[in-house]
Amino acid sequence: MLRKLLLSLLLWACAGVAFGQVTIPDTPAGRVLTAWFDAFNSGDRAKLDAYVKTYDPKNDADGLMGFRGQTGGFDLLAIEKRPVRRLPSAAWS
């Protein structure tokens, strides 16, 4: 799930989507995305551990910390309106 989210984020970034203020919807998917952005962008190992334990136990915080070190974090650029259970998004590093 996280890999698909990251791929989606990177594809949107490569497409040259314009920067803007984006509000993440208060939905189950939106709350997970918010938790991921908060944990990932903080660069805080404890926050990433908590995110992984809560939402993505098949992943590990070490891998996310390494990826965070490579990207420096992301800015959310856009969220498309889609059917329930899908929340495509875009970010830029």
PDB file of N, CA and C in Angstrom:
ATOM      1  N   MET A   1       0.821  -1.180   0.000  1.00  0.00           N
ATOM      2  CA  MET A   1       0.000   0.000   0.000  1.00  0.00           C
ATOM      3  C   MET A   1       0.872   1.253   0.000  1.00  0.00           C
ATOM      4  N   LEU A   2       1.885   1.286   0.848  1.00  0.00           N
ATOM      5  CA  LEU A   2       2.750   2.455   0.937  1.00  0.00           C
ATOM      6  C   LEU A   2       3.521   2.650  -0.359  1.00  0.00           C
ATOM      7  N   ARG A   3       3.959   1.561  -0.958  1.00  0.00           N
ATOM      8  CA  ARG A   3       4.710   1.683  -2.212  1.00  0.00           C
ATOM      9  C   ARG A   3       3.828   2.279  -3.310  1.00  0.00           C
ATOM     10  N   LYS A   4       2.561   1.877  -3.365  1.00  0.00           N
ATOM     11  CA  LYS A   4       1.644   2.437  -4.354  1.00  0.00           C
ATOM     12  C   LYS A   4       1.422   3.919  -4.091  1.00  0.00           C
ATOM     13  N   LEU A   5       1.301   4.291  -2.824  1.00  0.00           N
ATOM     14  CA  LEU A   5       1.136   5.692  -2.460  1.00  0.00           C
ATOM     15  C   LEU A   5       2.359   6.496  -2.873  1.00  0.00           C
ATOM     16  N   LEU A   6       3.545   5.981  -2.577  1.00  0.00           N
ATOM     17  CA  LEU A   6       4.770   6.688  -2.937  1.00  0.00           C
ATOM     18  C   LEU A   6       4.923   6.814  -4.444  1.00  0.00           C
ATOM     19  N   LEU A   7       4.594   5.764  -5.169  1.00  0.00           N
ATOM     20  CA  LEU A   7       4.665   5.813  -6.620  1.00  0.00           C
ATOM     21  C   LEU A   7       3.708   6.859  -7.154  1.00  0.00           C
ATOM     22  N   SER A   8       2.507   6.892  -6.621  1.00  0.00           N
ATOM     23  CA  SER A   8       1.531   7.905  -7.026  1.00  0.00           C
ATOM     24  C   SER A   8       2.061   9.307  -6.767  1.00  0.00           C
ATOM     25  N   LEU A   9       2.658   9.497  -5.602  1.00  0.00           N
ATOM     26  CA  LEU A   9       3.210  10.801  -5.251  1.00  0.00           C
ATOM     27  C   LEU A   9       4.314  11.211  -6.224  1.00  0.00           C
ATOM     28  N   LEU A  10       5.195  10.287  -6.522  1.00  0.00           N
ATOM     29  CA  LEU A  10       6.302  10.596  -7.411  1.00  0.00           C
ATOM     30  C   LEU A  10       5.850  10.847  -8.848  1.00  0.00           C
ATOM     31  N   LEU A  11       4.875  10.095  -9.320  1.00  0.00           N
ATOM     32  CA  LEU A  11       4.373  10.308 -10.677  1.00  0.00           C
ATOM     33  C   LEU A  11       3.753  11.690 -10.829  1.00  0.00           C
ATOM     34  N   TRP A  12       2.986  12.098  -9.847  1.00  0.00           N
ATOM     35  CA  TRP A  12       2.391  13.440  -9.895  1.00  0.00           C
ATOM     36  C   TRP A  12       3.463  14.510  -9.872  1.00  0.00           C
ATOM     37  N   ALA A  13       4.483  14.318  -9.061  1.00  0.00           N
ATOM     38  CA  ALA A  13       5.560  15.297  -8.974  1.00  0.00           C
ATOM     39  C   ALA A  13       6.266  15.424 -10.321  1.00  0.00           C
ATOM     40  N   CYS A  14       6.500  14.305 -10.974  1.00  0.00           N
ATOM     41  CA  CYS A  14       7.168  14.327 -12.276  1.00  0.00           C
ATOM     42  C   CYS A  14       6.295  14.947 -13.358  1.00  0.00           C
ATOM     43  N   ALA A  15       5.008  14.918 -13.178  1.00  0.00           N
ATOM     44  CA  ALA A  15       4.103  15.476 -14.179  1.00  0.00           C
ATOM     45  C   ALA A  15       4.083  17.001 -14.144  1.00  0.00           C
ATOM     46  N   GLY A  16       4.719  17.609 -13.143  1.00  0.00           N
ATOM     47  CA  GLY A  16       4.802  19.063 -13.088  1.00  0.00           C
ATOM     48  C   GLY A  16       3.541  19.725 -12.572  1.00  0.00           C
ATOM     49  N   VAL A  17       2.870  19.101 -11.642  1.00  0.00           N
ATOM     50  CA  VAL A  17       1.664  19.680 -11.068  1.00  0.00           C
ATOM     51  C   VAL A  17       2.050  20.956 -10.311  1.00  0.00           C
ATOM     52  N   ALA A  18       1.280  22.020 -10.469  1.00  0.00           N
ATOM     53  CA  ALA A  18       1.583  23.295  -9.833  1.00  0.00           C
ATOM     54  C   ALA A  18       1.409  23.211  -8.317  1.00  0.00           C
ATOM     55  N   PHE A  19       2.230  23.986  -7.599  1.00  0.00           N
ATOM     56  CA  PHE A  19       2.130  24.033  -6.145  1.00  0.00           C
ATOM     57  C   PHE A  19       0.855  24.738  -5.728  1.00  0.00           C
ATOM     58  N   GLY A  20       0.310  24.379  -4.590  1.00  0.00           N
ATOM     59  CA  GLY A  20      -0.878  25.019  -4.067  1.00  0.00           C
ATOM     60  C   GLY A  20      -1.180  24.516  -2.669  1.00  0.00           C
ATOM     61  N   GLN A  21      -2.053  25.217  -1.989  1.00  0.00           N
ATOM     62  CA  GLN A  21      -2.473  24.812  -0.656  1.00  0.00           C
ATOM     63  C   GLN A  21      -3.508  23.697  -0.810  1.00  0.00           C
ATOM     64  N   VAL A  22      -3.239  22.558  -0.218  1.00  0.00           N
ATOM     65  CA  VAL A  22      -4.112  21.402  -0.351  1.00  0.00           C
ATOM     66  C   VAL A  22      -4.614  20.999   1.026  1.00  0.00           C
ATOM     67  N   THR A  23      -5.905  20.772   1.116  1.00  0.00           N
ATOM     68  CA  THR A  23      -6.499  20.284   2.344  1.00  0.00           C
ATOM     69  C   THR A  23      -6.802  18.803   2.177  1.00  0.00           C
ATOM     70  N   ILE A  24      -6.259  18.012   3.065  1.00  0.00           N
ATOM     71  CA  ILE A  24      -6.521  16.576   3.029  1.00  0.00           C
ATOM     72  C   ILE A  24      -7.891  16.340   3.655  1.00  0.00           C
ATOM     73  N   PRO A  25      -8.777  15.616   2.956  1.00  0.00           N
ATOM     74  CA  PRO A  25     -10.121  15.395   3.489  1.00  0.00           C
ATOM     75  C   PRO A  25     -10.116  14.599   4.796  1.00  0.00           C
ATOM     76  N   ASP A  26     -11.098  14.860   5.618  1.00  0.00           N
ATOM     77  CA  ASP A  26     -11.248  14.144   6.884  1.00  0.00           C
ATOM     78  C   ASP A  26     -12.035  12.863   6.639  1.00  0.00           C
ATOM     79  N   THR A  27     -11.357  11.918   6.015  1.00  0.00           N
ATOM     80  CA  THR A  27     -11.917  10.598   5.711  1.00  0.00           C
ATOM     81  C   THR A  27     -10.927   9.567   6.247  1.00  0.00           C
ATOM     82  N   PRO A  28     -11.295   8.301   6.288  1.00  0.00           N
ATOM     83  CA  PRO A  28     -10.328   7.295   6.739  1.00  0.00           C
ATOM     84  C   PRO A  28      -9.025   7.334   5.923  1.00  0.00           C
ATOM     85  N   ALA A  29      -9.128   7.397   4.609  1.00  0.00           N
ATOM     86  CA  ALA A  29      -7.924   7.454   3.776  1.00  0.00           C
ATOM     87  C   ALA A  29      -7.169   8.764   4.007  1.00  0.00           C
ATOM     88  N   GLY A  30      -7.898   9.846   4.160  1.00  0.00           N
ATOM     89  CA  GLY A  30      -7.266  11.139   4.407  1.00  0.00           C
ATOM     90  C   GLY A  30      -6.523  11.168   5.733  1.00  0.00           C
ATOM     91  N   ARG A  31      -7.086  10.535   6.744  1.00  0.00           N
ATOM     92  CA  ARG A  31      -6.419  10.489   8.055  1.00  0.00           C
ATOM     93  C   ARG A  31      -5.127   9.667   7.978  1.00  0.00           C
ATOM     94  N   VAL A  32      -5.131   8.586   7.210  1.00  0.00           N
ATOM     95  CA  VAL A  32      -3.902   7.787   7.034  1.00  0.00           C
ATOM     96  C   VAL A  32      -2.861   8.607   6.277  1.00  0.00           C
ATOM     97  N   LEU A  33      -3.292   9.294   5.214  1.00  0.00           N
ATOM     98  CA  LEU A  33      -2.357  10.123   4.447  1.00  0.00           C
ATOM     99  C   LEU A  33      -1.778  11.232   5.320  1.00  0.00           C
ATOM    100  N   THR A  34      -2.610  11.861   6.136  1.00  0.00           N
ATOM    101  CA  THR A  34      -2.136  12.904   7.042  1.00  0.00           C
ATOM    102  C   THR A  34      -1.120  12.335   8.027  1.00  0.00           C
ATOM    103  N   ALA A  35      -1.415  11.169   8.572  1.00  0.00           N
ATOM    104  CA  ALA A  35      -0.494  10.538   9.518  1.00  0.00           C
ATOM    105  C   ALA A  35       0.841  10.224   8.841  1.00  0.00           C
ATOM    106  N   TRP A  36       0.786   9.752   7.591  1.00  0.00           N
ATOM    107  CA  TRP A  36       2.023   9.442   6.861  1.00  0.00           C
ATOM    108  C   TRP A  36       2.835  10.707   6.616  1.00  0.00           C
ATOM    109  N   PHE A  37       2.193  11.753   6.098  1.00  0.00           N
ATOM    110  CA  PHE A  37       2.904  13.008   5.851  1.00  0.00           C
ATOM    111  C   PHE A  37       3.506  13.558   7.139  1.00  0.00           C
ATOM    112  N   ASP A  38       2.731  13.573   8.208  1.00  0.00           N
ATOM    113  CA  ASP A  38       3.226  14.095   9.483  1.00  0.00           C
ATOM    114  C   ASP A  38       4.450  13.314   9.957  1.00  0.00           C
ATOM    115  N   ALA A  39       4.357  11.995   9.920  1.00  0.00           N
ATOM    116  CA  ALA A  39       5.464  11.162  10.384  1.00  0.00           C
ATOM    117  C   ALA A  39       6.667  11.272   9.452  1.00  0.00           C
ATOM    118  N   PHE A  40       6.429  11.152   8.160  1.00  0.00           N
ATOM    119  CA  PHE A  40       7.524  11.151   7.192  1.00  0.00           C
ATOM    120  C   PHE A  40       8.241  12.489   7.160  1.00  0.00           C
ATOM    121  N   ASN A  41       7.485  13.570   7.049  1.00  0.00           N
ATOM    122  CA  ASN A  41       8.103  14.888   6.939  1.00  0.00           C
ATOM    123  C   ASN A  41       8.781  15.336   8.229  1.00  0.00           C
ATOM    124  N   SER A  42       8.368  14.782   9.362  1.00  0.00           N
ATOM    125  CA  SER A  42       8.994  15.178  10.626  1.00  0.00           C
ATOM    126  C   SER A  42      10.443  14.681  10.703  1.00  0.00           C
ATOM    127  N   GLY A  43      10.719  13.557  10.053  1.00  0.00           N
ATOM    128  CA  GLY A  43      12.040  12.962  10.162  1.00  0.00           C
ATOM    129  C   GLY A  43      12.298  12.369  11.539  1.00  0.00           C
ATOM    130  N   ASP A  44      11.253  12.240  12.332  1.00  0.00           N
ATOM    131  CA  ASP A  44      11.339  11.743  13.705  1.00  0.00           C
ATOM    132  C   ASP A  44      11.136  10.225  13.710  1.00  0.00           C
ATOM    133  N   ARG A  45      12.147   9.512  14.135  1.00  0.00           N
ATOM    134  CA  ARG A  45      12.108   8.046  14.140  1.00  0.00           C
ATOM    135  C   ARG A  45      10.917   7.512  14.943  1.00  0.00           C
ATOM    136  N   ALA A  46      10.639   8.125  16.109  1.00  0.00           N
ATOM    137  CA  ALA A  46       9.530   7.659  16.953  1.00  0.00           C
ATOM    138  C   ALA A  46       8.194   7.826  16.241  1.00  0.00           C
ATOM    139  N   LYS A  47       8.007   8.927  15.516  1.00  0.00           N
ATOM    140  CA  LYS A  47       6.756   9.136  14.776  1.00  0.00           C
ATOM    141  C   LYS A  47       6.626   8.130  13.641  1.00  0.00           C
ATOM    142  N   LEU A  48       7.726   7.844  12.952  1.00  0.00           N
ATOM    143  CA  LEU A  48       7.677   6.847  11.881  1.00  0.00           C
ATOM    144  C   LEU A  48       7.402   5.454  12.436  1.00  0.00           C
ATOM    145  N   ASP A  49       8.001   5.126  13.569  1.00  0.00           N
ATOM    146  CA  ASP A  49       7.714   3.840  14.217  1.00  0.00           C
ATOM    147  C   ASP A  49       6.231   3.721  14.553  1.00  0.00           C
ATOM    148  N   ALA A  50       5.674   4.795  15.117  1.00  0.00           N
ATOM    149  CA  ALA A  50       4.250   4.783  15.486  1.00  0.00           C
ATOM    150  C   ALA A  50       3.374   4.642  14.245  1.00  0.00           C
ATOM    151  N   TYR A  51       3.719   5.348  13.161  1.00  0.00           N
ATOM    152  CA  TYR A  51       2.952   5.230  11.924  1.00  0.00           C
ATOM    153  C   TYR A  51       2.981   3.784  11.413  1.00  0.00           C
ATOM    154  N   VAL A  52       4.181   3.205  11.339  1.00  0.00           N
ATOM    155  CA  VAL A  52       4.334   1.840  10.828  1.00  0.00           C
ATOM    156  C   VAL A  52       3.533   0.855  11.682  1.00  0.00           C
ATOM    157  N   LYS A  53       3.621   0.966  12.987  1.00  0.00           N
ATOM    158  CA  LYS A  53       2.894   0.049  13.869  1.00  0.00           C
ATOM    159  C   LYS A  53       1.385   0.200  13.720  1.00  0.00           C
ATOM    160  N   THR A  54       0.920   1.421  13.495  1.00  0.00           N
ATOM    161  CA  THR A  54      -0.515   1.678  13.412  1.00  0.00           C
ATOM    162  C   THR A  54      -1.098   1.354  12.040  1.00  0.00           C
ATOM    163  N   TYR A  55      -0.413   1.762  10.974  1.00  0.00           N
ATOM    164  CA  TYR A  55      -1.008   1.704   9.633  1.00  0.00           C
ATOM    165  C   TYR A  55      -0.324   0.760   8.649  1.00  0.00           C
ATOM    166  N   ASP A  56       0.944   0.455   8.834  1.00  0.00           N
ATOM    167  CA  ASP A  56       1.684  -0.282   7.804  1.00  0.00           C
ATOM    168  C   ASP A  56       2.684  -1.259   8.425  1.00  0.00           C
ATOM    169  N   PRO A  57       2.196  -2.225   9.216  1.00  0.00           N
ATOM    170  CA  PRO A  57       3.108  -3.101   9.954  1.00  0.00           C
ATOM    171  C   PRO A  57       4.016  -3.974   9.086  1.00  0.00           C
ATOM    172  N   LYS A  58       3.713  -4.117   7.811  1.00  0.00           N
ATOM    173  CA  LYS A  58       4.592  -4.896   6.932  1.00  0.00           C
ATOM    174  C   LYS A  58       5.815  -4.078   6.520  1.00  0.00           C
ATOM    175  N   ASN A  59       5.764  -2.776   6.722  1.00  0.00           N
ATOM    176  CA  ASN A  59       6.881  -1.901   6.393  1.00  0.00           C
ATOM    177  C   ASN A  59       7.780  -1.761   7.612  1.00  0.00           C
ATOM    178  N   ASP A  60       8.892  -1.041   7.470  1.00  0.00           N
ATOM    179  CA  ASP A  60       9.738  -0.791   8.634  1.00  0.00           C
ATOM    180  C   ASP A  60      10.205   0.663   8.619  1.00  0.00           C
ATOM    181  N   ALA A  61      10.391   1.197   9.809  1.00  0.00           N
ATOM    182  CA  ALA A  61      10.775   2.601   9.953  1.00  0.00           C
ATOM    183  C   ALA A  61      12.174   2.854   9.393  1.00  0.00           C
ATOM    184  N   ASP A  62      13.044   1.854   9.409  1.00  0.00           N
ATOM    185  CA  ASP A  62      14.394   2.039   8.868  1.00  0.00           C
ATOM    186  C   ASP A  62      14.350   2.405   7.390  1.00  0.00           C
ATOM    187  N   GLY A  63      13.531   1.691   6.642  1.00  0.00           N
ATOM    188  CA  GLY A  63      13.405   1.982   5.218  1.00  0.00           C
ATOM    189  C   GLY A  63      12.832   3.369   4.977  1.00  0.00           C
ATOM    190  N   LEU A  64      11.826   3.732   5.763  1.00  0.00           N
ATOM    191  CA  LEU A  64      11.237   5.067   5.619  1.00  0.00           C
ATOM    192  C   LEU A  64      12.225   6.157   6.001  1.00  0.00           C
ATOM    193  N   MET A  65      13.022   5.921   7.037  1.00  0.00           N
ATOM    194  CA  MET A  65      14.024   6.912   7.437  1.00  0.00           C
ATOM    195  C   MET A  65      15.064   7.088   6.328  1.00  0.00           C
ATOM    196  N   GLY A  66      15.451   5.995   5.696  1.00  0.00           N
ATOM    197  CA  GLY A  66      16.391   6.089   4.579  1.00  0.00           C
ATOM    198  C   GLY A  66      15.805   6.863   3.416  1.00  0.00           C
ATOM    199  N   PHE A  67      14.553   6.576   3.096  1.00  0.00           N
ATOM    200  CA  PHE A  67      13.878   7.289   2.002  1.00  0.00           C
ATOM    201  C   PHE A  67      13.720   8.764   2.356  1.00  0.00           C
ATOM    202  N   ARG A  68      13.395   9.048   3.606  1.00  0.00           N
ATOM    203  CA  ARG A  68      13.259  10.431   4.079  1.00  0.00           C
ATOM    204  C   ARG A  68      14.587  11.171   3.938  1.00  0.00           C
ATOM    205  N   GLY A  69      15.672  10.487   4.246  1.00  0.00           N
ATOM    206  CA  GLY A  69      16.993  11.083   4.101  1.00  0.00           C
ATOM    207  C   GLY A  69      17.331  11.412   2.658  1.00  0.00           C
ATOM    208  N   GLN A  70      16.825  10.612   1.733  1.00  0.00           N
ATOM    209  CA  GLN A  70      17.079  10.851   0.311  1.00  0.00           C
ATOM    210  C   GLN A  70      16.231  11.981  -0.250  1.00  0.00           C
ATOM    211  N   THR A  71      14.998  12.113   0.236  1.00  0.00           N
ATOM    212  CA  THR A  71      14.073  13.096  -0.350  1.00  0.00           C
ATOM    213  C   THR A  71      13.990  14.398   0.422  1.00  0.00           C
ATOM    214  N   GLY A  72      14.214  14.339   1.720  1.00  0.00           N
ATOM    215  CA  GLY A  72      14.045  15.535   2.542  1.00  0.00           C
ATOM    216  C   GLY A  72      12.593  15.819   2.877  1.00  0.00           C
ATOM    217  N   GLY A  73      11.688  14.945   2.477  1.00  0.00           N
ATOM    218  CA  GLY A  73      10.259  15.138   2.744  1.00  0.00           C
ATOM    219  C   GLY A  73       9.513  15.532   1.486  1.00  0.00           C
ATOM    220  N   PHE A  74       8.214  15.689   1.624  1.00  0.00           N
ATOM    221  CA  PHE A  74       7.353  16.014   0.489  1.00  0.00           C
ATOM    222  C   PHE A  74       6.395  17.142   0.835  1.00  0.00           C
ATOM    223  N   ASP A  75       5.994  17.880  -0.174  1.00  0.00           N
ATOM    224  CA  ASP A  75       4.908  18.852  -0.079  1.00  0.00           C
ATOM    225  C   ASP A  75       3.735  18.291  -0.863  1.00  0.00           C
ATOM    226  N   LEU A  76       2.556  18.298  -0.293  1.00  0.00           N
ATOM    227  CA  LEU A  76       1.369  17.808  -0.981  1.00  0.00           C
ATOM    228  C   LEU A  76       0.938  18.841  -2.013  1.00  0.00           C
ATOM    229  N   LEU A  77       0.787  18.413  -3.257  1.00  0.00           N
ATOM    230  CA  LEU A  77       0.437  19.324  -4.347  1.00  0.00           C
ATOM    231  C   LEU A  77      -1.033  19.271  -4.722  1.00  0.00           C
ATOM    232  N   ALA A  78      -1.609  18.074  -4.712  1.00  0.00           N
ATOM    233  CA  ALA A  78      -2.988  17.951  -5.179  1.00  0.00           C
ATOM    234  C   ALA A  78      -3.594  16.649  -4.676  1.00  0.00           C
ATOM    235  N   ILE A  79      -4.900  16.660  -4.594  1.00  0.00           N
ATOM    236  CA  ILE A  79      -5.667  15.448  -4.315  1.00  0.00           C
ATOM    237  C   ILE A  79      -6.810  15.427  -5.319  1.00  0.00           C
ATOM    238  N   GLU A  80      -6.921  14.331  -6.030  1.00  0.00           N
ATOM    239  CA  GLU A  80      -8.013  14.174  -6.989  1.00  0.00           C
ATOM    240  C   GLU A  80      -9.237  13.623  -6.294  1.00  0.00           C
ATOM    241  N   LYS A  81     -10.389  14.029  -6.728  1.00  0.00           N
ATOM    242  CA  LYS A  81     -11.636  13.457  -6.209  1.00  0.00           C
ATOM    243  C   LYS A  81     -11.867  12.137  -6.938  1.00  0.00           C
ATOM    244  N   ARG A  82     -11.993  11.080  -6.157  1.00  0.00           N
ATOM    245  CA  ARG A  82     -12.186   9.740  -6.702  1.00  0.00           C
ATOM    246  C   ARG A  82     -13.249   9.016  -5.901  1.00  0.00           C
ATOM    247  N   PRO A  83     -13.616   7.818  -6.354  1.00  0.00           N
ATOM    248  CA  PRO A  83     -14.575   7.019  -5.584  1.00  0.00           C
ATOM    249  C   PRO A  83     -14.057   6.747  -4.172  1.00  0.00           C
ATOM    250  N   VAL A  84     -14.953   6.426  -3.281  1.00  0.00           N
ATOM    251  CA  VAL A  84     -14.600   6.099  -1.905  1.00  0.00           C
ATOM    252  C   VAL A  84     -13.521   5.020  -1.888  1.00  0.00           C
ATOM    253  N   ARG A  85     -12.629   5.087  -0.904  1.00  0.00           N
ATOM    254  CA  ARG A  85     -11.528   4.149  -0.682  1.00  0.00           C
ATOM    255  C   ARG A  85     -10.307   4.444  -1.541  1.00  0.00           C
ATOM    256  N   ARG A  86     -10.357   5.498  -2.336  1.00  0.00           N
ATOM    257  CA  ARG A  86      -9.176   5.861  -3.139  1.00  0.00           C
ATOM    258  C   ARG A  86      -8.886   7.334  -2.878  1.00  0.00           C
ATOM    259  N   LEU A  87      -7.629   7.653  -2.700  1.00  0.00           N
ATOM    260  CA  LEU A  87      -7.230   9.031  -2.456  1.00  0.00           C
ATOM    261  C   LEU A  87      -5.899   9.314  -3.166  1.00  0.00           C
ATOM    262  N   PRO A  88      -5.946   9.367  -4.514  1.00  0.00           N
ATOM    263  CA  PRO A  88      -4.709   9.691  -5.222  1.00  0.00           C
ATOM    264  C   PRO A  88      -4.229  11.079  -4.801  1.00  0.00           C
ATOM    265  N   SER A  89      -2.936  11.244  -4.722  1.00  0.00           N
ATOM    266  CA  SER A  89      -2.382  12.507  -4.286  1.00  0.00           C
ATOM    267  C   SER A  89      -1.078  12.763  -5.022  1.00  0.00           C
ATOM    268  N   ALA A  90      -0.571  13.960  -4.865  1.00  0.00           N
ATOM    269  CA  ALA A  90       0.685  14.308  -5.506  1.00  0.00           C
ATOM    270  C   ALA A  90       1.530  15.090  -4.521  1.00  0.00           C
ATOM    271  N   ALA A  91       2.823  14.875  -4.594  1.00  0.00           N
ATOM    272  CA  ALA A  91       3.728  15.592  -3.692  1.00  0.00           C
ATOM    273  C   ALA A  91       5.012  15.908  -4.439  1.00  0.00           C
ATOM    274  N   TRP A  92       5.757  16.820  -3.890  1.00  0.00           N
ATOM    275  CA  TRP A  92       7.027  17.221  -4.483  1.00  0.00           C
ATOM    276  C   TRP A  92       8.077  17.255  -3.408  1.00  0.00           C
ATOM    277  N   SER A  93       9.232  16.790  -3.724  1.00  0.00           N
ATOM    278  CA  SER A  93      10.337  16.753  -2.767  1.00  0.00           C
ATOM    279  C   SER A  93      11.204  17.970  -2.964  1.00  0.00           C
TER     280      SER A  93
END
